[in-house]
N, C-alpha and C. Protein backbone atom coordinates (compact mmCIF):
# COMPACT_ATOMS: atom_id res chain seq x y z
N MET A 1 35.49 -28.63 -57.35
CA MET A 1 36.13 -27.32 -57.40
C MET A 1 35.13 -26.29 -57.91
N HIS A 2 35.16 -25.09 -57.33
CA HIS A 2 34.26 -24.03 -57.74
C HIS A 2 34.81 -23.33 -58.98
N ALA A 3 33.93 -22.97 -59.88
CA ALA A 3 34.34 -22.40 -61.16
C ALA A 3 35.15 -21.13 -60.98
N ARG A 4 34.75 -20.31 -60.04
CA ARG A 4 35.42 -19.02 -59.90
C ARG A 4 36.38 -18.94 -58.72
N VAL A 5 36.31 -19.88 -57.81
CA VAL A 5 37.22 -19.87 -56.66
C VAL A 5 37.89 -21.24 -56.55
N GLY A 6 38.91 -21.42 -57.35
CA GLY A 6 39.66 -22.67 -57.31
C GLY A 6 40.82 -22.63 -56.34
N SER A 7 41.25 -21.40 -56.00
CA SER A 7 42.36 -21.24 -55.06
C SER A 7 42.15 -19.97 -54.25
N VAL A 8 42.56 -20.03 -53.00
CA VAL A 8 42.39 -18.89 -52.09
C VAL A 8 43.71 -18.60 -51.39
N CYS A 9 44.09 -17.33 -51.39
CA CYS A 9 45.27 -16.89 -50.66
C CYS A 9 44.86 -16.52 -49.24
N VAL A 10 45.55 -17.08 -48.27
CA VAL A 10 45.28 -16.78 -46.86
C VAL A 10 46.46 -16.01 -46.28
N TYR A 11 46.18 -14.82 -45.77
CA TYR A 11 47.17 -14.02 -45.05
C TYR A 11 46.93 -14.23 -43.56
N CYS A 12 47.98 -14.51 -42.81
CA CYS A 12 47.82 -14.70 -41.36
C CYS A 12 49.18 -14.67 -40.68
N GLY A 13 49.16 -14.74 -39.36
CA GLY A 13 50.36 -14.57 -38.58
C GLY A 13 51.31 -15.76 -38.60
N SER A 14 52.59 -15.48 -38.43
CA SER A 14 53.59 -16.54 -38.25
C SER A 14 53.74 -16.86 -36.76
N ARG A 15 52.85 -16.30 -35.95
CA ARG A 15 52.70 -16.68 -34.54
C ARG A 15 51.26 -17.12 -34.32
N HIS A 16 51.00 -17.73 -33.16
CA HIS A 16 49.65 -18.20 -32.87
C HIS A 16 48.76 -17.11 -32.27
N GLY A 17 49.38 -16.06 -31.73
CA GLY A 17 48.60 -15.01 -31.09
C GLY A 17 48.19 -15.40 -29.68
N ALA A 18 47.48 -14.48 -29.03
CA ALA A 18 47.19 -14.62 -27.60
C ALA A 18 45.96 -15.46 -27.30
N ARG A 19 45.12 -15.72 -28.30
CA ARG A 19 43.85 -16.40 -28.04
C ARG A 19 43.78 -17.75 -28.75
N PRO A 20 43.41 -18.79 -28.03
CA PRO A 20 43.26 -20.10 -28.66
C PRO A 20 42.28 -20.10 -29.83
N ALA A 21 41.31 -19.18 -29.82
CA ALA A 21 40.32 -19.11 -30.90
C ALA A 21 40.96 -18.84 -32.25
N PHE A 22 42.10 -18.16 -32.28
CA PHE A 22 42.78 -17.87 -33.54
C PHE A 22 43.26 -19.18 -34.19
N THR A 23 43.89 -20.03 -33.38
CA THR A 23 44.38 -21.31 -33.89
C THR A 23 43.24 -22.21 -34.32
N THR A 24 42.18 -22.23 -33.51
CA THR A 24 41.01 -23.03 -33.85
C THR A 24 40.43 -22.60 -35.19
N ALA A 25 40.35 -21.29 -35.41
CA ALA A 25 39.80 -20.77 -36.67
C ALA A 25 40.70 -21.13 -37.85
N ALA A 26 42.01 -21.04 -37.67
CA ALA A 26 42.94 -21.37 -38.75
C ALA A 26 42.78 -22.83 -39.17
N ARG A 27 42.69 -23.72 -38.18
CA ARG A 27 42.53 -25.14 -38.48
C ARG A 27 41.19 -25.41 -39.16
N ARG A 28 40.13 -24.78 -38.67
CA ARG A 28 38.81 -24.98 -39.25
C ARG A 28 38.76 -24.48 -40.69
N LEU A 29 39.37 -23.33 -40.93
CA LEU A 29 39.40 -22.80 -42.29
C LEU A 29 40.14 -23.76 -43.22
N GLY A 30 41.27 -24.29 -42.75
CA GLY A 30 42.02 -25.26 -43.56
C GLY A 30 41.19 -26.47 -43.91
N ASN A 31 40.47 -27.00 -42.92
CA ASN A 31 39.59 -28.15 -43.16
C ASN A 31 38.53 -27.83 -44.20
N MET A 32 37.93 -26.66 -44.09
CA MET A 32 36.84 -26.29 -44.98
C MET A 32 37.34 -26.06 -46.41
N LEU A 33 38.53 -25.48 -46.56
CA LEU A 33 39.09 -25.30 -47.90
C LEU A 33 39.32 -26.65 -48.57
N ALA A 34 39.88 -27.59 -47.81
CA ALA A 34 40.13 -28.92 -48.36
C ALA A 34 38.82 -29.61 -48.75
N GLU A 35 37.83 -29.51 -47.88
CA GLU A 35 36.54 -30.15 -48.15
C GLU A 35 35.87 -29.55 -49.39
N ALA A 36 36.09 -28.26 -49.63
CA ALA A 36 35.51 -27.59 -50.79
C ALA A 36 36.39 -27.73 -52.03
N GLU A 37 37.50 -28.45 -51.91
CA GLU A 37 38.45 -28.65 -53.01
C GLU A 37 38.99 -27.33 -53.53
N ILE A 38 39.24 -26.41 -52.60
CA ILE A 38 39.85 -25.13 -52.94
C ILE A 38 41.31 -25.16 -52.49
N ARG A 39 42.20 -24.89 -53.41
CA ARG A 39 43.63 -24.91 -53.10
C ARG A 39 44.00 -23.73 -52.20
N LEU A 40 44.82 -23.99 -51.20
CA LEU A 40 45.36 -22.93 -50.34
C LEU A 40 46.64 -22.39 -50.95
N VAL A 41 46.72 -21.08 -51.05
CA VAL A 41 47.96 -20.38 -51.40
C VAL A 41 48.32 -19.54 -50.19
N TYR A 42 49.54 -19.69 -49.69
CA TYR A 42 49.92 -18.94 -48.48
C TYR A 42 51.42 -18.73 -48.46
N GLY A 43 51.91 -18.15 -47.37
CA GLY A 43 53.29 -17.71 -47.30
C GLY A 43 54.35 -18.78 -47.11
N GLY A 44 53.96 -20.05 -47.04
CA GLY A 44 54.94 -21.13 -47.06
C GLY A 44 55.58 -21.51 -45.74
N GLY A 45 55.22 -20.83 -44.65
CA GLY A 45 55.85 -21.11 -43.37
C GLY A 45 55.23 -22.29 -42.65
N ALA A 46 56.00 -22.86 -41.73
CA ALA A 46 55.52 -24.01 -40.95
C ALA A 46 55.10 -23.61 -39.54
N VAL A 47 55.20 -22.32 -39.23
CA VAL A 47 54.98 -21.87 -37.85
C VAL A 47 53.73 -20.99 -37.75
N GLY A 48 53.23 -20.84 -36.53
CA GLY A 48 52.11 -19.96 -36.25
C GLY A 48 50.83 -20.37 -36.96
N LEU A 49 49.95 -19.39 -37.19
CA LEU A 49 48.69 -19.67 -37.87
C LEU A 49 48.93 -20.14 -39.31
N MET A 50 50.03 -19.66 -39.92
CA MET A 50 50.36 -20.10 -41.27
C MET A 50 50.51 -21.62 -41.32
N GLY A 51 51.29 -22.13 -40.39
CA GLY A 51 51.51 -23.57 -40.35
C GLY A 51 50.25 -24.35 -40.03
N GLU A 52 49.41 -23.78 -39.17
CA GLU A 52 48.18 -24.46 -38.76
C GLU A 52 47.21 -24.62 -39.92
N VAL A 53 46.98 -23.54 -40.67
CA VAL A 53 46.02 -23.62 -41.76
C VAL A 53 46.52 -24.55 -42.85
N ALA A 54 47.83 -24.50 -43.14
CA ALA A 54 48.39 -25.37 -44.17
C ALA A 54 48.30 -26.84 -43.77
N GLN A 55 48.66 -27.15 -42.54
CA GLN A 55 48.62 -28.54 -42.09
C GLN A 55 47.19 -29.07 -42.07
N ALA A 56 46.25 -28.21 -41.71
CA ALA A 56 44.85 -28.63 -41.68
C ALA A 56 44.35 -28.99 -43.08
N VAL A 57 44.77 -28.23 -44.08
CA VAL A 57 44.40 -28.55 -45.46
C VAL A 57 45.01 -29.90 -45.85
N LEU A 58 46.29 -30.07 -45.56
CA LEU A 58 46.98 -31.30 -45.92
C LEU A 58 46.38 -32.52 -45.21
N ASP A 59 46.01 -32.34 -43.94
CA ASP A 59 45.44 -33.45 -43.17
C ASP A 59 44.14 -33.95 -43.78
N LYS A 60 43.43 -33.07 -44.48
CA LYS A 60 42.16 -33.44 -45.11
C LYS A 60 42.35 -33.84 -46.58
N GLY A 61 43.61 -33.94 -47.00
CA GLY A 61 43.89 -34.35 -48.38
C GLY A 61 43.80 -33.24 -49.40
N GLY A 62 43.84 -32.00 -48.93
CA GLY A 62 43.76 -30.86 -49.85
C GLY A 62 45.11 -30.47 -50.42
N ARG A 63 45.08 -29.47 -51.29
CA ARG A 63 46.29 -29.01 -51.98
C ARG A 63 46.75 -27.66 -51.41
N VAL A 64 48.06 -27.55 -51.25
CA VAL A 64 48.64 -26.35 -50.66
C VAL A 64 49.84 -25.89 -51.48
N THR A 65 49.82 -24.63 -51.88
CA THR A 65 50.97 -24.00 -52.52
C THR A 65 51.53 -22.96 -51.57
N GLY A 66 52.77 -23.15 -51.16
CA GLY A 66 53.45 -22.18 -50.31
C GLY A 66 54.42 -21.36 -51.13
N ILE A 67 54.51 -20.07 -50.81
CA ILE A 67 55.41 -19.17 -51.54
C ILE A 67 56.23 -18.40 -50.51
N ILE A 68 57.55 -18.60 -50.56
CA ILE A 68 58.39 -18.03 -49.50
C ILE A 68 59.70 -17.52 -50.10
N PRO A 69 60.17 -16.35 -49.68
CA PRO A 69 61.49 -15.88 -50.14
C PRO A 69 62.60 -16.76 -49.57
N HIS A 70 63.68 -16.84 -50.28
CA HIS A 70 64.80 -17.68 -49.84
C HIS A 70 65.25 -17.34 -48.42
N PHE A 71 65.33 -16.03 -48.11
CA PHE A 71 65.88 -15.65 -46.81
C PHE A 71 64.94 -16.00 -45.65
N LEU A 72 63.63 -16.12 -45.94
CA LEU A 72 62.69 -16.51 -44.89
C LEU A 72 62.53 -18.02 -44.79
N ASP A 73 63.01 -18.73 -45.79
CA ASP A 73 62.86 -20.19 -45.80
C ASP A 73 63.51 -20.79 -44.55
N GLN A 74 64.64 -20.19 -44.14
CA GLN A 74 65.30 -20.64 -42.92
C GLN A 74 64.70 -19.99 -41.67
N ALA A 75 64.47 -18.68 -41.73
CA ALA A 75 64.00 -17.94 -40.55
C ALA A 75 62.63 -18.41 -40.09
N GLU A 76 61.69 -18.65 -41.04
CA GLU A 76 60.35 -19.06 -40.68
C GLU A 76 60.18 -20.57 -40.77
N VAL A 77 61.24 -21.25 -41.12
CA VAL A 77 61.21 -22.71 -41.29
C VAL A 77 60.14 -23.07 -42.33
N GLY A 78 60.53 -22.94 -43.59
CA GLY A 78 59.62 -23.25 -44.68
C GLY A 78 59.05 -24.66 -44.55
N LYS A 79 57.77 -24.79 -44.79
CA LYS A 79 57.09 -26.07 -44.61
C LYS A 79 57.45 -27.01 -45.76
N ALA A 80 57.91 -28.21 -45.43
CA ALA A 80 58.51 -29.09 -46.43
C ALA A 80 57.53 -30.04 -47.10
N ASN A 81 56.39 -30.32 -46.47
CA ASN A 81 55.51 -31.38 -46.97
C ASN A 81 54.34 -30.84 -47.79
N LEU A 82 54.51 -29.67 -48.40
CA LEU A 82 53.43 -29.05 -49.16
C LEU A 82 53.26 -29.71 -50.53
N THR A 83 52.11 -29.49 -51.13
CA THR A 83 51.90 -29.93 -52.50
C THR A 83 52.90 -29.27 -53.42
N GLU A 84 53.17 -27.99 -53.15
CA GLU A 84 54.08 -27.21 -53.97
C GLU A 84 54.70 -26.11 -53.11
N LEU A 85 56.01 -25.93 -53.20
CA LEU A 85 56.68 -24.84 -52.50
C LEU A 85 57.47 -24.03 -53.51
N ILE A 86 57.12 -22.76 -53.63
CA ILE A 86 57.78 -21.86 -54.57
C ILE A 86 58.66 -20.91 -53.77
N ARG A 87 59.93 -20.83 -54.10
CA ARG A 87 60.85 -19.91 -53.44
C ARG A 87 61.10 -18.71 -54.35
N THR A 88 61.00 -17.52 -53.77
CA THR A 88 61.19 -16.30 -54.54
C THR A 88 62.42 -15.55 -54.06
N ASP A 89 62.84 -14.57 -54.86
CA ASP A 89 64.04 -13.80 -54.52
C ASP A 89 63.79 -12.79 -53.42
N ASN A 90 62.57 -12.28 -53.31
CA ASN A 90 62.28 -11.22 -52.34
C ASN A 90 60.81 -11.20 -51.97
N MET A 91 60.46 -10.31 -51.03
CA MET A 91 59.08 -10.21 -50.54
C MET A 91 58.12 -9.71 -51.62
N HIS A 92 58.60 -8.78 -52.46
CA HIS A 92 57.73 -8.24 -53.51
C HIS A 92 57.29 -9.33 -54.47
N ASP A 93 58.25 -10.17 -54.89
CA ASP A 93 57.93 -11.27 -55.80
C ASP A 93 56.99 -12.27 -55.11
N ARG A 94 57.21 -12.49 -53.82
CA ARG A 94 56.35 -13.42 -53.07
C ARG A 94 54.89 -12.95 -53.11
N LYS A 95 54.67 -11.67 -52.78
CA LYS A 95 53.30 -11.17 -52.71
C LYS A 95 52.63 -11.13 -54.08
N ALA A 96 53.40 -10.78 -55.10
CA ALA A 96 52.84 -10.76 -56.45
C ALA A 96 52.46 -12.16 -56.91
N ARG A 97 53.29 -13.14 -56.59
CA ARG A 97 53.01 -14.53 -57.00
C ARG A 97 51.79 -15.07 -56.25
N MET A 98 51.69 -14.76 -54.96
CA MET A 98 50.53 -15.19 -54.19
C MET A 98 49.24 -14.64 -54.78
N ALA A 99 49.25 -13.37 -55.14
CA ALA A 99 48.07 -12.74 -55.71
C ALA A 99 47.73 -13.33 -57.07
N GLU A 100 48.75 -13.56 -57.86
CA GLU A 100 48.56 -14.08 -59.22
C GLU A 100 47.90 -15.46 -59.21
N LEU A 101 48.26 -16.30 -58.24
CA LEU A 101 47.78 -17.68 -58.20
C LEU A 101 46.43 -17.84 -57.51
N SER A 102 45.85 -16.74 -57.02
CA SER A 102 44.67 -16.84 -56.16
C SER A 102 43.44 -16.21 -56.81
N ASP A 103 42.28 -16.82 -56.51
CA ASP A 103 41.00 -16.29 -56.98
C ASP A 103 40.31 -15.44 -55.93
N GLY A 104 40.86 -15.39 -54.73
CA GLY A 104 40.30 -14.61 -53.64
C GLY A 104 41.27 -14.60 -52.48
N PHE A 105 40.94 -13.78 -51.47
CA PHE A 105 41.85 -13.58 -50.34
C PHE A 105 41.09 -13.66 -49.03
N VAL A 106 41.69 -14.33 -48.05
CA VAL A 106 41.12 -14.41 -46.71
C VAL A 106 42.19 -13.93 -45.74
N VAL A 107 41.80 -13.06 -44.81
CA VAL A 107 42.74 -12.50 -43.84
C VAL A 107 42.36 -12.98 -42.45
N LEU A 108 43.25 -13.75 -41.83
CA LEU A 108 43.11 -14.17 -40.44
C LEU A 108 43.90 -13.21 -39.56
N PRO A 109 43.77 -13.31 -38.25
CA PRO A 109 44.60 -12.48 -37.37
C PRO A 109 46.09 -12.64 -37.68
N GLY A 110 46.81 -11.56 -37.52
CA GLY A 110 48.25 -11.56 -37.78
C GLY A 110 48.86 -10.25 -37.36
N GLY A 111 50.14 -10.09 -37.65
CA GLY A 111 50.88 -8.91 -37.22
C GLY A 111 51.13 -7.91 -38.35
N LEU A 112 52.29 -7.26 -38.31
CA LEU A 112 52.60 -6.20 -39.27
C LEU A 112 52.67 -6.74 -40.69
N GLY A 113 53.22 -7.93 -40.86
CA GLY A 113 53.30 -8.52 -42.20
C GLY A 113 51.92 -8.77 -42.78
N THR A 114 51.01 -9.23 -41.95
CA THR A 114 49.64 -9.47 -42.40
C THR A 114 48.96 -8.16 -42.78
N LEU A 115 49.20 -7.12 -41.98
CA LEU A 115 48.66 -5.79 -42.32
C LEU A 115 49.22 -5.31 -43.66
N ASP A 116 50.51 -5.49 -43.85
CA ASP A 116 51.17 -5.08 -45.09
C ASP A 116 50.50 -5.76 -46.29
N GLU A 117 50.32 -7.08 -46.19
CA GLU A 117 49.70 -7.83 -47.28
C GLU A 117 48.26 -7.38 -47.53
N THR A 118 47.53 -7.13 -46.45
CA THR A 118 46.13 -6.75 -46.57
C THR A 118 45.97 -5.38 -47.21
N PHE A 119 46.74 -4.41 -46.74
CA PHE A 119 46.64 -3.08 -47.33
C PHE A 119 47.11 -3.08 -48.78
N GLU A 120 48.12 -3.89 -49.08
CA GLU A 120 48.61 -3.91 -50.45
C GLU A 120 47.56 -4.50 -51.40
N ILE A 121 46.92 -5.59 -51.01
CA ILE A 121 45.95 -6.22 -51.91
C ILE A 121 44.70 -5.33 -52.04
N LEU A 122 44.37 -4.58 -50.99
CA LEU A 122 43.29 -3.59 -51.09
C LEU A 122 43.67 -2.45 -52.02
N THR A 123 44.92 -2.00 -51.92
CA THR A 123 45.40 -0.92 -52.79
C THR A 123 45.40 -1.35 -54.24
N TRP A 124 45.81 -2.59 -54.49
CA TRP A 124 45.79 -3.11 -55.87
C TRP A 124 44.36 -3.15 -56.42
N LYS A 125 43.40 -3.45 -55.53
CA LYS A 125 42.00 -3.45 -55.96
C LYS A 125 41.54 -2.03 -56.26
N GLN A 126 41.96 -1.09 -55.43
CA GLN A 126 41.63 0.32 -55.65
C GLN A 126 42.18 0.80 -56.99
N LEU A 127 43.37 0.30 -57.36
CA LEU A 127 44.02 0.68 -58.62
C LEU A 127 43.52 -0.14 -59.80
N GLN A 128 42.52 -1.01 -59.54
CA GLN A 128 41.91 -1.85 -60.57
C GLN A 128 42.89 -2.84 -61.18
N LEU A 129 43.85 -3.28 -60.37
CA LEU A 129 44.78 -4.32 -60.81
C LEU A 129 44.16 -5.71 -60.63
N HIS A 130 43.12 -5.82 -59.83
CA HIS A 130 42.36 -7.06 -59.70
C HIS A 130 40.96 -6.72 -59.19
N ASP A 131 40.07 -7.68 -59.30
CA ASP A 131 38.71 -7.51 -58.77
C ASP A 131 38.29 -8.78 -58.03
N LYS A 132 39.21 -9.32 -57.24
CA LYS A 132 38.97 -10.57 -56.53
C LYS A 132 38.41 -10.27 -55.14
N PRO A 133 37.57 -11.17 -54.61
CA PRO A 133 36.99 -10.94 -53.29
C PRO A 133 38.04 -11.00 -52.17
N ILE A 134 37.84 -10.14 -51.17
CA ILE A 134 38.73 -10.07 -50.00
C ILE A 134 37.85 -10.20 -48.76
N VAL A 135 38.14 -11.18 -47.92
CA VAL A 135 37.33 -11.46 -46.73
C VAL A 135 38.22 -11.40 -45.49
N LEU A 136 37.82 -10.58 -44.52
CA LEU A 136 38.51 -10.53 -43.23
C LEU A 136 37.77 -11.42 -42.24
N LEU A 137 38.46 -12.40 -41.69
CA LEU A 137 37.87 -13.28 -40.69
C LEU A 137 38.10 -12.66 -39.32
N ASN A 138 37.03 -12.08 -38.80
CA ASN A 138 37.12 -11.21 -37.62
C ASN A 138 36.91 -12.02 -36.33
N ILE A 139 37.82 -12.93 -36.06
CA ILE A 139 37.71 -13.79 -34.89
C ILE A 139 37.83 -12.96 -33.61
N GLU A 140 36.81 -13.06 -32.76
CA GLU A 140 36.75 -12.33 -31.48
C GLU A 140 37.05 -10.84 -31.65
N GLY A 141 36.57 -10.27 -32.76
CA GLY A 141 36.71 -8.83 -32.99
C GLY A 141 38.10 -8.36 -33.34
N TYR A 142 38.97 -9.29 -33.78
CA TYR A 142 40.38 -8.92 -34.02
C TYR A 142 40.52 -7.77 -35.01
N TRP A 143 39.68 -7.75 -36.05
CA TRP A 143 39.85 -6.74 -37.11
C TRP A 143 38.97 -5.51 -36.91
N ASP A 144 38.33 -5.39 -35.76
CA ASP A 144 37.48 -4.22 -35.52
C ASP A 144 38.24 -2.91 -35.68
N HIS A 145 39.44 -2.85 -35.13
CA HIS A 145 40.22 -1.60 -35.20
C HIS A 145 40.65 -1.29 -36.63
N PHE A 146 40.92 -2.33 -37.40
CA PHE A 146 41.26 -2.14 -38.82
C PHE A 146 40.09 -1.48 -39.55
N VAL A 147 38.90 -2.01 -39.34
CA VAL A 147 37.70 -1.45 -39.99
C VAL A 147 37.48 -0.02 -39.54
N HIS A 148 37.64 0.24 -38.25
CA HIS A 148 37.47 1.60 -37.73
C HIS A 148 38.48 2.56 -38.34
N LEU A 149 39.71 2.08 -38.56
CA LEU A 149 40.74 2.92 -39.18
C LEU A 149 40.34 3.32 -40.60
N VAL A 150 39.90 2.35 -41.39
CA VAL A 150 39.50 2.65 -42.77
C VAL A 150 38.29 3.58 -42.78
N GLU A 151 37.33 3.35 -41.86
CA GLU A 151 36.18 4.26 -41.76
C GLU A 151 36.63 5.67 -41.38
N HIS A 152 37.63 5.78 -40.52
CA HIS A 152 38.20 7.08 -40.15
C HIS A 152 38.84 7.74 -41.37
N GLN A 153 39.54 6.96 -42.19
CA GLN A 153 40.15 7.51 -43.41
C GLN A 153 39.07 8.04 -44.36
N VAL A 154 37.93 7.36 -44.41
CA VAL A 154 36.82 7.84 -45.23
C VAL A 154 36.31 9.18 -44.69
N ARG A 155 36.07 9.23 -43.38
CA ARG A 155 35.55 10.48 -42.77
C ARG A 155 36.50 11.65 -42.97
N GLU A 156 37.81 11.36 -42.96
CA GLU A 156 38.81 12.43 -43.10
C GLU A 156 39.13 12.76 -44.54
N GLY A 157 38.46 12.10 -45.48
CA GLY A 157 38.57 12.48 -46.88
C GLY A 157 39.72 11.88 -47.65
N PHE A 158 40.36 10.83 -47.12
CA PHE A 158 41.48 10.21 -47.82
C PHE A 158 41.10 8.94 -48.57
N VAL A 159 39.96 8.39 -48.23
CA VAL A 159 39.49 7.16 -48.87
C VAL A 159 38.04 7.37 -49.29
N GLN A 160 37.72 6.96 -50.51
CA GLN A 160 36.34 7.07 -50.97
C GLN A 160 35.46 6.05 -50.25
N GLU A 161 34.24 6.45 -49.93
CA GLU A 161 33.35 5.58 -49.17
C GLU A 161 33.09 4.26 -49.88
N ARG A 162 33.05 4.28 -51.21
CA ARG A 162 32.77 3.05 -51.95
C ARG A 162 33.85 1.99 -51.75
N TYR A 163 35.04 2.41 -51.34
CA TYR A 163 36.13 1.45 -51.12
C TYR A 163 35.87 0.56 -49.91
N LEU A 164 34.94 0.96 -49.04
CA LEU A 164 34.58 0.10 -47.92
C LEU A 164 33.97 -1.21 -48.40
N LYS A 165 33.47 -1.21 -49.62
CA LYS A 165 32.89 -2.42 -50.19
C LYS A 165 33.94 -3.33 -50.83
N PHE A 166 35.20 -2.91 -50.80
CA PHE A 166 36.27 -3.71 -51.39
C PHE A 166 36.60 -4.94 -50.56
N PHE A 167 36.14 -4.95 -49.31
CA PHE A 167 36.36 -6.12 -48.46
C PHE A 167 35.11 -6.40 -47.67
N ARG A 168 34.96 -7.66 -47.28
CA ARG A 168 33.85 -8.09 -46.44
C ARG A 168 34.42 -8.60 -45.13
N VAL A 169 33.68 -8.38 -44.05
CA VAL A 169 34.09 -8.84 -42.73
C VAL A 169 33.10 -9.89 -42.25
N VAL A 170 33.61 -11.06 -41.86
CA VAL A 170 32.76 -12.11 -41.32
C VAL A 170 33.28 -12.50 -39.94
N ASP A 171 32.37 -12.97 -39.10
CA ASP A 171 32.73 -13.25 -37.71
C ASP A 171 33.03 -14.72 -37.42
N ASN A 172 32.67 -15.61 -38.36
CA ASN A 172 32.97 -17.02 -38.11
C ASN A 172 33.41 -17.71 -39.39
N VAL A 173 34.11 -18.81 -39.24
CA VAL A 173 34.75 -19.49 -40.37
C VAL A 173 33.73 -19.99 -41.37
N GLU A 174 32.56 -20.40 -40.90
CA GLU A 174 31.55 -20.96 -41.80
C GLU A 174 31.08 -19.95 -42.85
N GLU A 175 31.26 -18.66 -42.59
CA GLU A 175 30.82 -17.63 -43.54
C GLU A 175 31.85 -17.36 -44.63
N VAL A 176 33.08 -17.85 -44.47
CA VAL A 176 34.16 -17.44 -45.36
C VAL A 176 33.92 -17.87 -46.81
N ILE A 177 33.74 -19.16 -47.04
CA ILE A 177 33.62 -19.65 -48.41
C ILE A 177 32.37 -19.10 -49.11
N PRO A 178 31.19 -19.11 -48.45
CA PRO A 178 30.02 -18.49 -49.11
C PRO A 178 30.25 -17.02 -49.47
N THR A 179 30.96 -16.29 -48.62
CA THR A 179 31.22 -14.88 -48.89
C THR A 179 32.18 -14.72 -50.06
N LEU A 180 33.20 -15.58 -50.13
CA LEU A 180 34.12 -15.57 -51.27
C LEU A 180 33.37 -15.85 -52.57
N LEU A 181 32.52 -16.86 -52.56
CA LEU A 181 31.77 -17.24 -53.76
C LEU A 181 30.83 -16.12 -54.20
N GLU A 182 30.20 -15.48 -53.22
CA GLU A 182 29.32 -14.35 -53.52
C GLU A 182 30.10 -13.21 -54.14
N GLY A 183 31.28 -12.92 -53.59
CA GLY A 183 32.11 -11.85 -54.14
C GLY A 183 32.62 -12.16 -55.53
N ALA A 184 32.99 -13.43 -55.76
CA ALA A 184 33.46 -13.82 -57.09
C ALA A 184 32.34 -13.73 -58.11
N ALA A 185 31.13 -14.13 -57.72
CA ALA A 185 29.99 -14.06 -58.63
C ALA A 185 29.66 -12.61 -58.97
N LYS A 186 29.73 -11.73 -57.97
CA LYS A 186 29.47 -10.30 -58.22
C LYS A 186 30.51 -9.73 -59.18
N SER A 187 31.77 -10.13 -59.03
CA SER A 187 32.82 -9.66 -59.94
C SER A 187 32.53 -10.10 -61.36
N ASP A 188 32.04 -11.34 -61.52
CA ASP A 188 31.68 -11.85 -62.84
C ASP A 188 30.57 -11.01 -63.46
N ILE A 189 29.55 -10.70 -62.65
CA ILE A 189 28.42 -9.90 -63.15
C ILE A 189 28.89 -8.51 -63.55
N ASP A 190 29.73 -7.89 -62.70
CA ASP A 190 30.23 -6.54 -63.00
C ASP A 190 31.06 -6.54 -64.29
N ARG A 191 31.89 -7.57 -64.47
CA ARG A 191 32.71 -7.65 -65.67
C ARG A 191 31.82 -7.83 -66.91
N HIS A 192 30.78 -8.63 -66.76
CA HIS A 192 29.87 -8.88 -67.89
C HIS A 192 29.17 -7.58 -68.28
N ARG A 193 28.78 -6.78 -67.30
CA ARG A 193 28.13 -5.50 -67.60
C ARG A 193 29.09 -4.56 -68.33
N LEU A 194 30.36 -4.54 -67.88
CA LEU A 194 31.35 -3.69 -68.53
C LEU A 194 31.59 -4.13 -69.96
N ASP A 195 31.62 -5.45 -70.17
CA ASP A 195 31.85 -5.98 -71.52
C ASP A 195 30.75 -5.57 -72.48
N ARG A 196 29.54 -5.37 -71.95
CA ARG A 196 28.39 -5.05 -72.81
C ARG A 196 28.23 -3.55 -73.07
N THR A 197 29.00 -2.74 -72.32
CA THR A 197 28.86 -1.28 -72.48
C THR A 197 29.89 -0.76 -73.49
């Protein structure tokens, strides 16, 4: 287990999406998390990319914590064979618990819910509620438009340019864990500098 990244929250779709590469990436990420002895924290569903990444971790003997609101437990078919399944009263509690239990965040392709989670965790970082690494896995350019949107917000004066450094974009699964570790190490260095000032 890594000292600073013992658990990673993965945001991703409850569908598989239009490209087989999305599913392949989810499975590969799950395998790599298990091999690195990093616990997966995710939304608790058994379907779509969510189900794929969780099952891949479990298949390799890794640990998975799912967090799902009661009302979605039936709608998304909560995954039953997890290491741990936490049921919450609502979506707000779910997202807060996922963030609390995680040392970093990885964003795979997904829909509106994934966007909601991604913008919220970025906003919390902007508000200095956390300083954990955030990595977007840009499979086949899926997150290009997201990056362009944030760059547009910077140009239009609504987002400070330094906030572009709040997340990293990688194009393949093999870059995810090294990028998370690099981000966690940088956070440690920054905190140490603040402690000394």
